[in-house]
Amino acid sequence: LCAKATADSEQPTPGYMYNEIARITHASADACRQLEDYLLKRMKKDSVHVKLKCLRVIKHCCQHGHFTFRRDMQGKTGVIKEMIQFRGAPDALHGDVFNRQLRELAQEVMNAIFDTTTASEQLHSTGRMQGFGSE
């Protein structure tokens, strides 16, 4: 599943895969660590597409996965920090677009990793529910 989600192609990763991978983080602490190691190892590939897909998976797991994934990733941000400064070879057709997307996404991932609000806290901070009742 992770290999398909981070395949070296321009095809986007299907959305359901993100949720399936996020569920892996809830299975066990060992499964969570294996997923982290796999994604960080894949980030070392030369392909910008693999790097982008890995970052998207990491971001989704930080936002929707088990909190231990985000906590463990906080100590393993070296590879992601390198991506913020990434300067790869420009694509023949798209130019520097993929490299720029990679740098921007790496920054978003760093923000997601160190985000201290959880999904439940975000729900409570919005106040009362909108669209219900007569008001």
Protein backbone atom coordinates (compact mmCIF):
# COMPACT_ATOMS: atom_id res chain seq x y z
CA LEU A 1 0.00 0.00 0.00
CA CYS A 2 2.75 2.45 0.92
CA ALA A 3 4.72 1.53 -2.20
CA LYS A 4 1.71 2.30 -4.39
CA ALA A 5 1.03 5.56 -2.56
CA THR A 6 4.62 6.73 -3.09
CA ALA A 7 5.15 5.36 -6.61
CA ASP A 8 7.54 7.17 -8.94
CA SER A 9 4.97 8.62 -11.34
CA GLU A 10 3.12 11.85 -11.97
CA GLN A 11 -0.20 10.16 -11.20
CA PRO A 12 -1.64 11.46 -7.94
CA THR A 13 -2.10 9.11 -5.00
CA PRO A 14 -5.77 8.09 -4.63
CA GLY A 15 -7.37 9.76 -1.61
CA TYR A 16 -8.50 6.53 0.03
CA MET A 17 -4.87 5.44 0.36
CA TYR A 18 -4.10 8.36 2.66
CA ASN A 19 -6.82 7.25 5.07
CA GLU A 20 -5.71 3.60 4.90
CA ILE A 21 -2.13 4.58 5.67
CA ALA A 22 -3.27 6.84 8.53
CA ARG A 23 -5.09 3.81 9.99
CA ILE A 24 -1.77 1.95 10.07
CA THR A 25 -0.56 4.45 12.66
CA HIS A 26 -3.39 3.34 14.97
CA ALA A 27 -2.48 -0.37 14.70
CA SER A 28 0.54 -0.35 17.05
CA ALA A 29 3.58 1.66 18.02
CA ASP A 30 5.76 -0.76 16.06
CA ALA A 31 3.68 -0.36 12.90
CA CYS A 32 3.89 3.40 13.38
CA ARG A 33 7.70 3.30 13.58
CA GLN A 34 7.96 1.03 10.54
CA LEU A 35 5.80 3.44 8.54
CA GLU A 36 7.94 6.40 9.62
CA ASP A 37 11.16 4.61 8.68
CA TYR A 38 9.74 3.51 5.33
CA LEU A 39 8.57 7.01 4.39
CA LEU A 40 11.82 8.65 5.47
CA LYS A 41 13.82 6.07 3.50
CA ARG A 42 11.66 6.72 0.40
CA MET A 43 12.31 10.46 0.79
CA LYS A 44 15.97 9.81 0.02
CA LYS A 45 15.09 8.69 -3.53
CA ASP A 46 16.11 11.01 -6.36
CA SER A 47 12.61 11.36 -7.83
CA VAL A 48 10.80 14.58 -6.95
CA HIS A 49 7.47 12.73 -7.39
CA VAL A 50 8.37 10.18 -4.70
CA LYS A 51 9.45 12.98 -2.35
CA LEU A 52 6.19 14.89 -2.92
CA LYS A 53 4.05 11.82 -2.32
CA CYS A 54 5.95 10.89 0.84
CA LEU A 55 5.51 14.40 2.21
CA ARG A 56 1.78 14.29 1.48
CA VAL A 57 1.45 10.96 3.30
CA ILE A 58 3.45 12.26 6.29
CA LYS A 59 1.32 15.41 6.46
CA HIS A 60 -1.91 13.39 6.33
CA CYS A 61 -0.69 10.98 9.00
CA CYS A 62 0.31 13.88 11.26
CA GLN A 63 -3.13 15.42 10.89
CA HIS A 64 -5.28 12.27 10.92
CA GLY A 65 -3.11 9.48 12.31
CA HIS A 66 -2.24 8.46 15.84
CA PHE A 67 -0.53 11.15 17.92
CA THR A 68 2.56 8.94 18.37
CA PHE A 69 3.29 9.28 14.64
CA ARG A 70 3.52 13.07 14.95
CA ARG A 71 5.47 12.86 18.22
CA ASP A 72 8.00 10.41 16.76
CA MET A 73 8.34 12.46 13.56
CA GLN A 74 9.34 15.49 15.64
CA GLY A 75 12.67 13.79 16.30
CA LYS A 76 13.21 12.79 12.67
CA THR A 77 12.80 16.05 10.79
CA GLY A 78 16.29 16.22 9.28
CA VAL A 79 15.25 14.86 5.88
CA ILE A 80 12.20 17.13 5.77
CA LYS A 81 14.29 20.19 6.67
CA GLU A 82 16.56 19.35 3.72
CA MET A 83 13.50 19.40 1.45
CA ILE A 84 12.72 23.00 2.46
CA GLN A 85 15.98 23.98 0.73
CA PHE A 86 15.62 21.45 -2.14
CA ARG A 87 16.99 22.48 -5.52
CA GLY A 88 16.50 19.67 -8.01
CA ALA A 89 16.99 19.54 -11.75
CA PRO A 90 14.16 21.38 -13.53
CA ASP A 91 11.66 19.22 -15.41
CA ALA A 92 11.83 19.49 -19.21
CA LEU A 93 8.10 20.19 -19.51
CA HIS A 94 7.17 21.78 -16.17
CA GLY A 95 10.36 23.62 -15.25
CA ASP A 96 10.87 24.26 -11.52
CA VAL A 97 7.19 23.73 -10.57
CA PHE A 98 7.68 20.36 -8.86
CA ASN A 99 10.72 21.58 -6.94
CA ARG A 100 8.81 24.64 -5.72
CA GLN A 101 5.85 22.45 -4.71
CA LEU A 102 8.26 20.22 -2.80
CA ARG A 103 9.74 23.14 -0.86
CA GLU A 104 6.29 24.54 -0.01
CA LEU A 105 4.92 21.13 1.00
CA ALA A 106 7.98 20.44 3.18
CA GLN A 107 7.21 23.64 5.10
CA GLU A 108 3.57 22.60 5.48
CA VAL A 109 4.68 19.19 6.77
CA MET A 110 6.98 20.81 9.33
CA ASN A 111 4.03 22.92 10.51
CA ALA A 112 1.83 19.80 10.73
CA ILE A 113 4.48 17.89 12.68
CA PHE A 114 4.85 20.62 15.28
CA ASP A 115 1.16 21.60 15.37
CA THR A 116 0.05 21.35 18.98
CA THR A 117 -3.70 21.37 18.36
CA THR A 118 -5.39 18.05 17.79
CA ALA A 119 -8.47 17.47 15.67
CA SER A 120 -10.73 17.28 18.73
CA GLU A 121 -9.32 20.54 20.11
CA GLN A 122 -10.00 22.22 16.77
CA LEU A 123 -13.63 21.07 16.90
CA HIS A 124 -14.08 22.46 20.40
CA SER A 125 -12.39 25.77 19.64
CA THR A 126 -14.89 26.63 16.89
CA GLY A 127 -17.58 27.20 19.51
CA ARG A 128 -21.10 26.08 18.88
CA MET A 129 -22.17 24.13 15.84
CA GLN A 130 -23.36 26.17 12.90
CA GLY A 131 -26.42 25.38 10.80
CA PHE A 132 -28.46 23.69 13.52
CA GLY A 133 -31.44 25.22 15.26
CA SER A 134 -33.46 28.29 14.46
CA GLU A 135 -30.72 30.89 14.78
